[in-house]
Protein backbone atom coordinates (compact mmCIF):
# COMPACT_ATOMS: atom_id res chain seq x y z
CA MET A 1 0.00 0.00 0.00
CA ASN A 2 1.21 3.48 -0.87
CA ILE A 3 0.71 5.94 1.98
CA ASN A 4 0.57 8.82 -0.51
CA GLU A 5 -2.53 7.27 -2.07
CA LEU A 6 -4.25 6.74 1.28
CA GLU A 7 -3.41 9.59 3.64
CA ASP A 8 -6.08 12.00 2.39
CA LYS A 9 -8.76 9.32 2.05
CA ARG A 10 -11.58 8.46 4.44
CA ILE A 11 -11.20 4.72 5.04
CA ALA A 12 -13.73 2.31 6.49
CA VAL A 13 -12.57 -1.12 7.69
CA LEU A 14 -15.00 -4.03 7.85
CA LEU A 15 -13.83 -5.54 11.13
CA SER A 16 -15.29 -8.97 11.93
CA GLY A 17 -13.17 -9.82 14.97
CA GLY A 18 -11.21 -12.46 13.05
CA VAL A 19 -7.46 -12.44 12.56
CA ASP A 20 -7.55 -11.28 8.92
CA SER A 21 -9.57 -8.09 9.42
CA SER A 22 -7.65 -7.40 12.66
CA VAL A 23 -4.37 -7.38 10.75
CA VAL A 24 -6.01 -5.04 8.21
CA VAL A 25 -6.42 -2.48 11.01
CA TYR A 26 -2.78 -2.97 12.01
CA GLU A 27 -1.56 -2.55 8.43
CA LEU A 28 -3.34 0.80 8.14
CA ALA A 29 -2.35 1.94 11.64
CA ARG A 30 1.36 1.27 11.00
CA LEU A 31 1.09 3.80 8.15
CA GLY A 32 -0.15 6.37 10.63
CA LEU A 33 -3.79 6.06 9.57
CA HIS A 34 -6.77 5.80 11.90
CA PRO A 35 -9.63 4.30 9.86
CA ASP A 36 -13.16 3.98 11.19
CA CYS A 37 -14.06 0.35 11.88
CA PHE A 38 -17.44 -1.26 11.31
CA TYR A 39 -18.82 -4.55 12.57
CA ILE A 40 -21.60 -5.78 10.30
CA LYS A 41 -24.37 -7.48 12.26
CA ILE A 42 -26.45 -10.05 10.46
CA GLY A 43 -28.47 -13.15 11.32
CA ALA A 44 -30.22 -16.03 9.63
CA SER A 45 -33.69 -15.51 11.12
CA PRO A 46 -36.08 -13.48 8.94
CA ASP A 47 -37.47 -11.77 12.02
CA PRO A 48 -35.30 -11.10 15.10
CA SER A 49 -38.49 -10.81 17.18
CA GLU A 50 -39.00 -14.55 16.69
CA GLY A 51 -36.15 -15.22 19.07
CA GLY A 52 -34.07 -16.94 16.42
CA GLU A 53 -31.35 -14.33 16.26
CA ASN A 54 -29.57 -15.36 19.45
CA GLU A 55 -29.72 -19.02 18.45
CA TRP A 56 -28.39 -18.44 14.94
CA ASP A 57 -25.90 -15.65 15.57
CA CYS A 58 -24.27 -17.25 18.59
CA SER A 59 -20.72 -16.13 17.76
CA MET A 60 -21.59 -12.43 17.54
CA GLU A 61 -20.82 -11.57 21.17
CA GLU A 62 -17.29 -13.00 20.97
CA ASP A 63 -16.71 -11.45 17.52
CA LEU A 64 -17.76 -8.03 18.77
CA GLU A 65 -15.53 -8.29 21.84
CA MET A 66 -12.55 -9.08 19.61
CA ALA A 67 -13.39 -6.29 17.18
CA THR A 68 -13.78 -3.79 20.04
CA ALA A 69 -10.38 -4.74 21.49
CA VAL A 70 -8.59 -4.41 18.13
CA ALA A 71 -10.21 -1.03 17.32
CA ALA A 72 -9.31 0.29 20.79
CA LYS A 73 -5.71 -0.93 20.48
CA TYR A 74 -5.16 1.32 17.48
CA GLY A 75 -7.33 4.23 18.56
CA CYS A 76 -10.02 3.60 15.95
CA ARG A 77 -13.72 4.20 16.30
CA LEU A 78 -15.94 1.09 16.07
CA GLU A 79 -19.56 1.16 14.98
CA VAL A 80 -22.03 -1.71 14.64
CA VAL A 81 -24.05 -1.63 11.42
CA ASP A 82 -27.19 -3.78 11.42
CA CYS A 83 -27.65 -5.52 8.07
CA HIS A 84 -29.80 -8.32 9.48
CA ARG A 85 -32.87 -7.52 7.42
CA GLU A 86 -30.87 -7.03 4.22
CA TYR A 87 -29.11 -10.36 4.70
CA TRP A 88 -32.43 -12.16 5.03
CA GLU A 89 -34.16 -10.38 2.17
CA GLN A 90 -31.26 -10.67 -0.26
CA VAL A 91 -28.67 -13.36 0.52
CA THR A 92 -30.88 -15.89 2.29
CA LYS A 93 -33.69 -15.45 -0.25
CA TYR A 94 -31.21 -15.92 -3.12
CA THR A 95 -29.84 -19.09 -1.47
CA MET A 96 -33.21 -20.67 -0.71
CA ASP A 97 -34.68 -19.85 -4.14
CA LYS A 98 -31.71 -21.55 -5.80
CA VAL A 99 -31.63 -24.70 -3.65
CA ARG A 100 -35.41 -25.06 -3.90
CA ALA A 101 -34.96 -25.14 -7.69
CA GLY A 102 -32.35 -27.89 -7.39
CA LEU A 103 -29.40 -25.59 -8.08
CA THR A 104 -26.10 -25.15 -6.22
CA PRO A 105 -25.80 -21.53 -5.04
CA ASN A 106 -22.89 -19.76 -3.37
CA PRO A 107 -24.16 -17.43 -0.63
CA ASP A 108 -20.64 -16.16 0.14
CA VAL A 109 -20.34 -14.72 -3.37
CA MET A 110 -23.62 -12.85 -3.10
CA CYS A 111 -22.90 -11.73 0.47
CA ASN A 112 -19.87 -9.80 -0.77
CA ARG A 113 -21.84 -8.13 -3.55
CA LEU A 114 -25.07 -7.48 -1.63
CA ILE A 115 -23.95 -6.96 1.98
CA LYS A 116 -20.25 -6.16 2.48
CA PHE A 117 -20.05 -3.88 -0.54
CA GLY A 118 -23.80 -3.35 -0.99
CA ALA A 119 -26.03 -2.82 2.06
CA PHE A 120 -23.10 -1.53 4.10
CA HIS A 121 -22.32 1.03 1.41
CA GLU A 122 -25.92 2.25 1.39
CA LYS A 123 -25.96 2.63 5.19
CA ARG A 124 -22.47 3.92 5.97
CA GLY A 125 -19.93 3.16 3.26
CA HIS A 126 -21.06 6.00 1.02
CA ASP A 127 -19.43 8.40 3.49
CA TYR A 128 -16.00 6.88 2.80
CA ASP A 129 -13.56 6.98 -0.09
CA LEU A 130 -12.29 3.45 0.46
CA ILE A 131 -13.59 0.26 2.10
CA ALA A 132 -10.91 -2.09 3.45
CA THR A 133 -11.59 -5.79 4.03
CA GLY A 134 -9.57 -8.85 5.05
CA HIS A 135 -9.99 -10.65 1.75
CA TYR A 136 -7.04 -12.51 0.27
CA ALA A 137 -7.03 -10.68 -3.06
CA THR A 138 -5.05 -7.92 -4.75
CA THR A 139 -5.76 -5.21 -7.31
CA GLU A 140 -3.80 -3.51 -10.02
CA ASP A 141 -4.38 -0.48 -12.22
CA GLU A 142 -3.98 -0.52 -15.99
CA LYS A 143 -3.69 2.72 -17.92
CA ILE A 144 -6.43 3.00 -20.53
CA VAL A 145 -4.84 3.44 -23.94
CA ASN A 146 -6.23 6.14 -26.24
CA CYS A 147 -8.10 7.78 -23.38
CA LYS A 148 -8.24 11.59 -23.51
CA LEU A 149 -7.99 11.71 -19.73
CA SER A 150 -4.31 11.01 -19.12
CA ASN A 151 -4.85 9.66 -15.60
CA ARG A 152 -7.73 7.33 -16.44
CA LYS A 153 -7.03 3.78 -15.26
CA LEU A 154 -8.80 0.45 -15.30
CA LYS A 155 -8.83 -1.38 -11.96
CA TRP A 156 -8.48 -5.17 -11.98
CA LEU A 157 -9.27 -7.72 -9.30
CA CYS A 158 -6.20 -9.97 -9.06
CA THR A 159 -5.28 -13.11 -7.20
CA SER A 160 -3.42 -13.45 -3.90
CA PRO A 161 -0.02 -15.17 -3.62
CA ASP A 162 -1.69 -17.68 -1.28
CA PRO A 163 -3.43 -20.16 -3.64
CA VAL A 164 -5.25 -21.91 -0.80
CA LYS A 165 -6.67 -18.76 0.79
CA ASP A 166 -7.20 -16.70 -2.38
CA GLN A 167 -10.74 -15.28 -2.31
CA THR A 168 -11.12 -13.71 -5.73
CA ASP A 169 -13.71 -16.37 -6.54
CA PHE A 170 -15.88 -15.01 -3.70
CA LEU A 171 -15.47 -11.48 -5.09
CA ALA A 172 -16.20 -12.32 -8.73
CA GLN A 173 -19.75 -10.92 -8.67
CA ILE A 174 -18.98 -7.47 -7.25
CA TYR A 175 -19.62 -4.41 -9.40
CA GLY A 176 -16.92 -2.23 -10.88
CA TRP A 177 -17.84 0.71 -8.66
CA GLN A 178 -17.51 -1.55 -5.62
CA LEU A 179 -14.04 -2.66 -6.70
CA GLU A 180 -13.04 0.98 -7.23
CA LYS A 181 -13.64 1.64 -3.53
CA ALA A 182 -12.20 -1.65 -2.26
CA ILE A 183 -8.74 -2.14 -0.82
CA PHE A 184 -7.29 -5.42 0.45
CA PRO A 185 -4.40 -4.54 2.81
CA ILE A 186 -3.43 -8.16 3.55
CA GLY A 187 -3.98 -9.47 0.02
CA HIS A 188 -0.25 -9.60 -0.72
CA TYR A 189 0.41 -11.92 2.26
CA VAL A 190 -0.04 -15.65 2.69
CA LYS A 191 -2.05 -16.82 5.69
CA ASP A 192 0.98 -17.86 7.76
CA GLU A 193 2.41 -14.35 7.45
CA VAL A 194 -0.85 -12.83 8.66
CA ARG A 195 -0.84 -15.15 11.67
CA GLN A 196 2.77 -14.23 12.42
CA ILE A 197 1.95 -10.50 12.30
CA ALA A 198 -1.01 -11.02 14.62
CA GLU A 199 1.16 -12.96 17.09
CA ARG A 200 3.97 -10.42 16.94
CA GLU A 201 1.58 -7.51 17.52
CA HIS A 202 -0.23 -9.37 20.31
CA LEU A 203 -3.61 -9.06 18.64
CA VAL A 204 -6.38 -10.62 20.69
CA SER A 205 -7.62 -12.51 17.60
CA ALA A 206 -4.20 -13.97 16.71
CA ARG A 207 -5.12 -17.57 17.48
CA ARG A 208 -8.76 -17.54 16.45
CA ARG A 209 -9.71 -20.28 14.05
CA ASP A 210 -10.94 -19.30 10.61
CA SER A 211 -14.70 -19.24 10.19
CA GLN A 212 -15.98 -22.35 8.41
CA GLY A 213 -19.61 -21.29 8.11
CA ILE A 214 -21.55 -19.34 5.51
CA CYS A 215 -20.23 -15.80 5.17
CA PHE A 216 -20.90 -14.12 8.52
CA LEU A 217 -22.83 -17.07 9.96
CA GLY A 218 -19.89 -18.48 11.88
CA LYS A 219 -20.56 -21.91 13.37
CA ILE A 220 -23.83 -22.60 11.56
CA ASN A 221 -23.90 -25.82 9.55
CA TYR A 222 -25.04 -25.30 5.94
CA ASN A 223 -27.58 -28.14 6.02
CA ASP A 224 -29.03 -26.82 9.29
CA TYR A 225 -29.27 -23.38 7.66
CA ILE A 226 -31.27 -24.84 4.75
CA ARG A 227 -33.39 -27.07 6.99
CA ARG A 228 -34.40 -24.04 9.03
CA TYR A 229 -36.18 -22.52 6.02
CA LEU A 230 -37.04 -25.37 3.66
CA GLY A 231 -37.53 -28.27 6.06
CA GLU A 232 -37.27 -31.78 4.64
CA GLN A 233 -38.84 -33.37 1.55
CA PRO A 234 -38.01 -37.11 1.39
CA GLY A 235 -37.66 -38.80 -1.97
CA ASP A 236 -36.08 -41.77 -3.71
CA VAL A 237 -32.37 -42.24 -4.33
CA ILE A 238 -31.87 -44.13 -7.61
CA GLU A 239 -28.73 -45.69 -9.10
CA LEU A 240 -28.39 -43.98 -12.48
CA GLU A 241 -27.01 -46.96 -14.42
CA THR A 242 -29.50 -49.59 -13.21
CA GLY A 243 -32.58 -47.68 -12.06
CA ARG A 244 -32.37 -49.53 -8.73
CA ARG A 245 -33.69 -47.75 -5.64
CA ILE A 246 -30.95 -47.73 -3.02
CA GLY A 247 -32.50 -45.54 -0.35
CA GLU A 248 -34.23 -42.29 0.54
CA HIS A 249 -32.97 -38.72 0.72
CA ARG A 250 -34.38 -36.07 3.08
CA GLY A 251 -34.43 -33.31 0.50
CA LEU A 252 -32.66 -32.64 -2.79
CA TRP A 253 -31.38 -29.36 -1.37
CA PHE A 254 -29.09 -31.22 1.05
CA HIS A 255 -27.07 -32.68 -1.85
CA THR A 256 -24.81 -31.26 -4.55
CA ILE A 257 -23.70 -32.65 -7.88
CA GLY A 258 -20.38 -34.45 -7.42
CA GLN A 259 -20.95 -35.05 -3.69
CA ARG A 260 -19.18 -38.17 -2.49
CA LYS A 261 -19.33 -37.84 1.30
CA GLY A 262 -22.10 -38.05 3.84
CA MET A 263 -24.43 -40.14 1.69
CA GLY A 264 -24.96 -42.81 4.33
CA PHE A 265 -25.92 -45.64 1.96
CA SER A 266 -24.40 -49.12 2.09
CA GLY A 267 -22.44 -50.60 -0.78
CA GLY A 268 -20.68 -47.33 -1.57
CA PRO A 269 -18.96 -45.16 -2.32
CA TRP A 270 -21.79 -43.29 -4.07
CA PHE A 271 -21.58 -40.06 -6.07
CA VAL A 272 -24.43 -37.62 -6.72
CA VAL A 273 -24.69 -37.20 -10.50
CA LYS A 274 -28.17 -35.81 -11.20
CA LYS A 275 -31.30 -34.32 -9.62
CA ASP A 276 -34.86 -34.63 -10.96
CA VAL A 277 -36.54 -31.75 -9.16
CA ALA A 278 -40.02 -32.40 -10.58
CA ALA A 279 -40.01 -36.05 -9.48
CA ASN A 280 -37.92 -35.36 -6.33
CA ILE A 281 -35.42 -38.08 -7.28
CA LEU A 282 -31.71 -38.05 -6.47
CA TYR A 283 -29.60 -40.02 -8.93
CA VAL A 284 -26.29 -41.49 -7.79
CA SER A 285 -23.56 -43.51 -9.43
CA HIS A 286 -21.62 -46.35 -7.86
CA GLY A 287 -17.85 -46.53 -7.92
CA TYR A 288 -14.74 -44.78 -6.80
CA ASP A 289 -14.60 -42.22 -9.63
CA PRO A 290 -17.46 -42.68 -12.13
CA GLN A 291 -17.23 -40.95 -15.50
CA THR A 292 -20.79 -39.69 -15.01
CA ALA A 293 -19.42 -37.34 -12.33
CA TYR A 294 -17.32 -35.43 -14.90
CA LYS A 295 -18.02 -32.89 -17.62
CA GLN A 296 -15.65 -31.31 -20.10
CA GLN A 297 -18.08 -29.01 -21.90
CA PHE A 298 -20.83 -26.92 -20.30
CA PRO A 299 -22.63 -23.58 -20.82
CA ILE A 300 -22.65 -20.54 -18.54
CA HIS A 301 -25.03 -17.59 -18.70
CA ASP A 302 -25.36 -14.04 -17.34
CA PHE A 303 -21.62 -13.54 -17.32
CA HIS A 304 -20.80 -10.67 -14.97
CA SER A 305 -17.68 -8.70 -15.88
CA ILE A 306 -16.33 -6.84 -12.86
CA ASN A 307 -14.76 -3.95 -14.75
CA GLY A 308 -16.44 -4.26 -18.15
CA GLN A 309 -13.62 -6.24 -19.78
CA MET A 310 -14.62 -9.55 -21.35
CA PRO A 311 -12.34 -12.61 -21.35
CA GLY A 312 -10.53 -13.85 -24.41
CA GLU A 313 -10.66 -17.37 -25.79
CA ARG A 314 -7.95 -18.95 -23.63
CA VAL A 315 -8.67 -18.69 -19.91
CA THR A 316 -8.36 -20.47 -16.61
CA LEU A 317 -11.33 -20.99 -14.33
CA LYS A 318 -12.73 -22.29 -11.05
CA ILE A 319 -16.13 -23.81 -10.34
CA ARG A 320 -15.58 -24.10 -6.59
CA HIS A 321 -13.25 -22.73 -3.92
CA THR A 322 -10.06 -24.72 -4.53
CA PRO A 323 -6.39 -23.80 -5.06
CA GLU A 324 -6.43 -25.18 -8.62
CA TYR A 325 -7.09 -23.14 -11.77
CA LEU A 326 -8.46 -25.17 -14.67
CA PRO A 327 -7.33 -24.32 -18.23
CA ALA A 328 -10.14 -23.95 -20.76
CA ARG A 329 -11.31 -22.36 -23.98
CA LEU A 330 -14.34 -20.06 -24.01
CA GLU A 331 -16.72 -19.98 -26.97
CA ALA A 332 -18.80 -16.78 -26.94
CA GLN A 333 -22.51 -17.33 -27.55
CA GLY A 334 -23.71 -13.72 -27.18
CA ASP A 335 -25.80 -12.00 -24.50
CA GLY A 336 -23.41 -12.95 -21.70
CA ARG A 337 -23.47 -16.66 -22.60
CA PHE A 338 -20.39 -18.81 -23.14
CA LEU A 339 -19.72 -22.45 -23.86
CA VAL A 340 -16.83 -23.70 -21.74
CA HIS A 341 -14.47 -26.23 -23.33
CA ALA A 342 -12.24 -27.44 -20.50
CA ASP A 343 -8.88 -28.94 -21.39
CA ALA A 344 -9.68 -31.92 -19.17
CA PRO A 345 -12.88 -33.32 -17.63
CA ILE A 346 -14.00 -31.45 -14.48
CA HIS A 347 -15.52 -33.21 -11.50
CA GLY A 348 -18.84 -32.09 -10.03
CA VAL A 349 -20.04 -29.46 -12.51
CA ALA A 350 -23.45 -28.40 -11.18
CA PRO A 351 -26.14 -25.96 -12.35
CA GLY A 352 -26.24 -22.84 -10.22
CA GLN A 353 -22.52 -22.85 -9.42
CA PHE A 354 -20.51 -19.82 -10.43
CA CYS A 355 -17.84 -20.42 -13.04
CA VAL A 356 -15.15 -17.86 -12.19
CA VAL A 357 -13.02 -16.81 -15.15
CA TYR A 358 -9.37 -15.67 -15.02
CA ASP A 359 -6.77 -14.87 -17.66
CA ASP A 360 -4.59 -17.71 -18.86
CA ARG A 361 -2.01 -16.89 -16.15
CA HIS A 362 -4.74 -17.08 -13.47
CA HIS A 363 -3.76 -13.60 -12.30
CA ARG A 364 -6.54 -11.24 -13.33
CA CYS A 365 -10.16 -12.16 -12.57
CA TYR A 366 -12.66 -11.12 -15.23
CA GLY A 367 -15.79 -12.10 -13.31
CA SER A 368 -18.16 -15.05 -13.27
CA GLY A 369 -21.22 -16.60 -14.88
CA GLU A 370 -23.72 -19.18 -13.67
CA ILE A 371 -23.45 -22.78 -14.90
CA THR A 372 -26.64 -23.88 -16.63
CA VAL A 373 -26.24 -27.62 -17.33
């Protein structure tokens, strides 16, 4: 970070109480800056008056204590911003609509677009020039050629040097104006370095475990989250190759294409390969690595370009949060639709997943589109 580019800016830090956002505050403070910190309060219950908020946001008290301690350590103001209603009306509704339709959504992706850089901006972020988060991502500016304004630049979302923790896939649906205001002060570090900084600076959050839940939902199990709103809808589990009924599922929304764990049926391993939403049937395939679990060609639609730049023919991509980037060729179909031709078969391609597209060096992230197979 260049202090000359930051010292005259009003900076807001989204401080969750975790180690990553805590080190963000340190990184800015060591430059002599005193950003305002904000803890975003959300919950999974549609109505806090129902009494569900305490049950489903059980980690909030500890998070807020940590955030308060870190803000105080560096002389920063901390404010709680309530985005509970917005989370329910936007992120949870998006998630439940998708899973009810038999698709595989990613609530973390939409939480960044709709809450961290959306609802927060509408409530408080609009008062600030920059919004700093603890994402593992970087940015770079590219001068626009043939632009009459000599200082006009194009901002790119770029990957982190930590391939395991890189979070550009979770940011691939944000808007260009959101990226313009975003800064990622720890994006150039790997996770171990962030931990070492937190230990060295005696940050209260230094040894906190990373959140494994959905976005801000902390310890909440994903299936419990879905069950809370959609309940259960039992149906048959059928072996795809033979048509033999091997058991019963409790709801198609508890299973994803390519799933190979937690099936609970004898004679396995079993892999989820197809869902028939109308008939409420889950199709599985038997074996250790069935070919039916792979696809090499699939369409995506509604491609969202972060900064308006569209990808070329040769790209790399991700369809889930993994360290690997998959080489592929894109065939443009028009109207934000592409046909993906992967260099090798990909396991677990599922409708509703985001296909995140990068350049062929997996450095710059163009954006993402939804898989439609």
